């Protein structure tokens, strides 16, 4: 079973741990109902480092994304993201995912579900016949989801990036809490 970079911290803080998608993940701390209400009223932090992240680079990166996903990624500009899915040849769904435009028409990040990393990678690679540079950065990427109505207010003091004014499905990339190259 794999650990996220935060596993030891979760254990030290008393999290109830369990296996999920091959990872040792925190299931709860004080209880699901209490944590649910905390996120609804204030904010909560979720370790989702088990998710998969792929970088697609090159002049044909957008073409590949357009070919394998259902949403129109050509509408994305740098700093925008969109929800989409990978359809199969029968009209079913391989997986749902997020597409992030890092550099317009050249560099994209795709975030996929933890249990489907290998399947999604193989599916996208199957259609990569135009030399798009693909990197599976899942094992070297940490991912925290900070959610709730006060999330940006709590996070803003930790960065010079303007996150208070981020619009829906947009992101910024920079230094956060002393860590460089963070996508917020």
Protein backbone atom coordinates (compact mmCIF):
# COMPACT_ATOMS: atom_id res chain seq x y z
CA UNK A 1 0.00 0.00 0.00
CA UNK A 2 1.32 3.45 -0.95
CA UNK A 3 1.48 6.46 1.34
CA UNK A 4 0.95 10.10 0.42
CA UNK A 5 3.51 12.69 1.58
CA UNK A 6 1.05 13.54 4.36
CA UNK A 7 0.38 10.02 5.72
CA UNK A 8 2.59 10.34 8.80
CA UNK A 9 1.03 13.71 9.63
CA UNK A 10 -2.47 12.20 9.35
CA UNK A 11 -1.48 9.39 11.73
CA UNK A 12 0.14 11.83 14.18
CA UNK A 13 -3.06 13.91 14.19
CA UNK A 14 -5.19 10.87 14.96
CA UNK A 15 -6.85 10.18 11.61
CA UNK A 16 -8.71 6.94 11.11
CA UNK A 17 -6.82 5.41 8.16
CA UNK A 18 -7.97 2.91 5.52
CA UNK A 19 -6.93 1.62 2.10
CA UNK A 20 -8.34 3.46 -0.90
CA UNK A 21 -7.17 2.89 -4.49
CA UNK A 22 -3.97 1.31 -3.19
CA UNK A 23 -3.17 4.19 -0.81
CA UNK A 24 -3.23 4.47 2.97
CA UNK A 25 -5.72 7.36 3.24
CA UNK A 26 -7.34 9.28 6.11
CA UNK A 27 -11.05 8.48 6.30
CA UNK A 28 -11.96 10.79 9.18
CA UNK A 29 -10.62 12.60 12.23
CA UNK A 30 -13.44 13.74 14.53
CA UNK A 31 -16.26 12.04 12.65
CA UNK A 32 -17.89 12.37 9.26
CA UNK A 33 -20.85 14.51 10.37
CA UNK A 34 -18.69 16.99 12.30
CA UNK A 35 -16.20 17.26 9.44
CA UNK A 36 -19.00 17.68 6.89
CA UNK A 37 -20.48 20.58 8.88
CA UNK A 38 -17.05 22.18 9.32
CA UNK A 39 -16.49 22.22 5.56
CA UNK A 40 -20.02 23.54 4.90
CA UNK A 41 -19.64 26.35 7.46
CA UNK A 42 -15.93 27.16 7.29
CA UNK A 43 -13.27 25.11 5.46
CA UNK A 44 -11.63 21.71 5.38
CA UNK A 45 -8.49 20.20 3.90
CA UNK A 46 -8.57 16.90 2.02
CA UNK A 47 -5.46 14.94 1.06
CA UNK A 48 -6.16 13.83 -2.51
CA UNK A 49 -2.54 13.10 -3.39
CA UNK A 50 -3.66 9.65 -4.56
CA UNK A 51 -5.25 11.25 -7.67
CA UNK A 52 -3.44 10.92 -11.00
CA UNK A 53 -1.80 13.82 -12.84
CA UNK A 54 -0.60 13.73 -16.43
CA UNK A 55 1.24 16.48 -18.31
CA UNK A 56 0.66 16.67 -22.06
CA UNK A 57 3.08 18.90 -23.99
CA UNK A 58 3.76 19.88 -27.56
CA UNK A 59 2.17 21.44 -30.60
CA UNK A 60 -0.33 18.57 -30.86
CA UNK A 61 -1.27 18.42 -27.15
CA UNK A 62 -4.58 20.22 -27.68
CA UNK A 63 -5.42 17.97 -30.64
CA UNK A 64 -4.87 14.88 -28.49
CA UNK A 65 -7.03 16.26 -25.67
CA UNK A 66 -9.76 17.16 -28.17
CA UNK A 67 -9.58 13.64 -29.55
CA UNK A 68 -9.89 11.80 -26.23
CA UNK A 69 -12.18 14.03 -24.13
CA UNK A 70 -15.78 15.21 -24.58
CA UNK A 71 -15.57 18.88 -23.60
CA UNK A 72 -14.13 21.53 -25.94
CA UNK A 73 -10.63 22.15 -24.60
CA UNK A 74 -9.97 24.68 -27.39
CA UNK A 75 -11.97 27.14 -25.27
CA UNK A 76 -9.35 26.96 -22.52
CA UNK A 77 -6.80 29.72 -22.09
CA UNK A 78 -3.85 29.65 -19.68
CA UNK A 79 -5.15 29.60 -16.12
CA UNK A 80 -8.48 27.94 -16.98
CA UNK A 81 -9.69 24.41 -16.27
CA UNK A 82 -12.68 22.35 -17.29
CA UNK A 83 -14.48 19.20 -16.26
CA UNK A 84 -14.61 16.52 -18.94
CA UNK A 85 -14.51 12.77 -19.47
CA UNK A 86 -12.81 10.11 -21.55
CA UNK A 87 -15.44 8.32 -23.63
CA UNK A 88 -14.88 4.82 -24.93
CA UNK A 89 -15.67 3.63 -28.45
CA UNK A 90 -19.15 2.46 -27.36
CA UNK A 91 -20.20 5.83 -25.95
CA UNK A 92 -19.55 4.76 -22.37
CA UNK A 93 -17.18 6.53 -20.01
CA UNK A 94 -13.63 5.43 -19.25
CA UNK A 95 -13.28 8.09 -16.51
CA UNK A 96 -14.14 11.65 -15.63
CA UNK A 97 -11.33 14.16 -15.26
CA UNK A 98 -10.21 17.78 -15.10
CA UNK A 99 -8.19 19.46 -17.86
CA UNK A 100 -5.95 22.40 -16.84
CA UNK A 101 -4.47 24.70 -19.49
CA UNK A 102 -0.98 25.58 -18.26
CA UNK A 103 0.23 27.15 -21.54
CA UNK A 104 -2.33 27.71 -24.28
CA UNK A 105 -2.17 25.16 -27.13
CA UNK A 106 1.06 23.66 -25.71
CA UNK A 107 0.97 22.43 -22.09
CA UNK A 108 -1.95 20.81 -20.29
CA UNK A 109 -2.39 18.92 -17.05
CA UNK A 110 -5.06 16.24 -16.73
CA UNK A 111 -6.19 15.10 -13.27
CA UNK A 112 -7.79 11.66 -13.17
CA UNK A 113 -9.27 9.40 -10.52
CA UNK A 114 -6.87 7.39 -8.39
CA UNK A 115 -8.29 3.99 -9.23
CA UNK A 116 -8.02 4.67 -12.97
CA UNK A 117 -4.51 6.13 -13.36
CA UNK A 118 -3.06 3.24 -15.37
CA UNK A 119 -6.25 2.66 -17.38
CA UNK A 120 -6.56 6.37 -18.26
CA UNK A 121 -2.86 6.68 -19.12
CA UNK A 122 -3.08 3.70 -21.46
CA UNK A 123 -6.30 4.99 -23.04
CA UNK A 124 -4.83 8.42 -23.81
CA UNK A 125 -1.53 6.91 -24.97
CA UNK A 126 -3.46 4.68 -27.39
CA UNK A 127 -4.50 7.80 -29.34
CA UNK A 128 -1.16 9.62 -29.11
CA UNK A 129 -0.04 9.14 -32.70
CA UNK A 130 1.29 12.69 -33.21
CA UNK A 131 4.20 12.67 -30.77
CA UNK A 132 2.65 14.51 -27.85
CA UNK A 133 5.07 14.43 -24.92
CA UNK A 134 3.25 12.68 -22.06
CA UNK A 135 4.45 12.57 -18.45
CA UNK A 136 2.74 10.71 -15.63
CA UNK A 137 3.64 12.86 -12.61
CA UNK A 138 1.20 11.15 -10.24
CA UNK A 139 3.83 9.68 -7.91
CA UNK A 140 5.71 12.97 -7.57
CA UNK A 141 2.71 15.27 -7.12
CA UNK A 142 0.95 16.21 -3.87
CA UNK A 143 -2.64 17.37 -4.07
CA UNK A 144 -4.63 19.02 -1.29
CA UNK A 145 -8.23 20.09 -1.81
CA UNK A 146 -9.16 23.00 0.45
CA UNK A 147 -12.92 23.42 0.33
CA UNK A 148 -15.58 25.51 2.02
CA UNK A 149 -16.85 29.10 2.07
CA UNK A 150 -13.80 30.43 3.93
CA UNK A 151 -11.15 28.46 2.03
CA UNK A 152 -9.68 31.37 0.06
CA UNK A 153 -9.72 33.70 3.10
CA UNK A 154 -7.74 31.13 5.08
CA UNK A 155 -5.27 30.47 2.25
CA UNK A 156 -4.67 34.04 1.01
CA UNK A 157 -2.19 35.01 3.79
CA UNK A 158 0.03 32.10 2.66
CA UNK A 159 0.69 33.51 -0.82
CA UNK A 160 1.20 36.70 -2.82
CA UNK A 161 -0.96 35.23 -5.61
CA UNK A 162 -4.43 36.75 -5.71
CA UNK A 163 -6.63 33.79 -4.88
CA UNK A 164 -9.49 35.75 -3.32
CA UNK A 165 -10.65 36.81 -6.79
CA UNK A 166 -10.25 33.49 -8.61
CA UNK A 167 -13.27 32.72 -10.72
CA UNK A 168 -14.90 29.31 -11.12
CA UNK A 169 -12.63 26.78 -12.87
CA UNK A 170 -9.63 29.12 -12.95
CA UNK A 171 -6.25 28.74 -11.28
CA UNK A 172 -2.96 30.49 -10.70
CA UNK A 173 0.51 28.99 -10.48
CA UNK A 174 3.26 30.32 -8.25
CA UNK A 175 4.69 30.23 -4.74
CA UNK A 176 2.45 29.09 -1.90
CA UNK A 177 3.57 28.85 1.76
CA UNK A 178 7.20 28.93 0.61
CA UNK A 179 6.70 26.14 -1.94
CA UNK A 180 7.33 27.06 -5.58
CA UNK A 181 5.42 25.88 -8.65
CA UNK A 182 2.09 25.34 -6.87
CA UNK A 183 -1.22 25.30 -8.77
CA UNK A 184 -3.98 26.98 -6.72
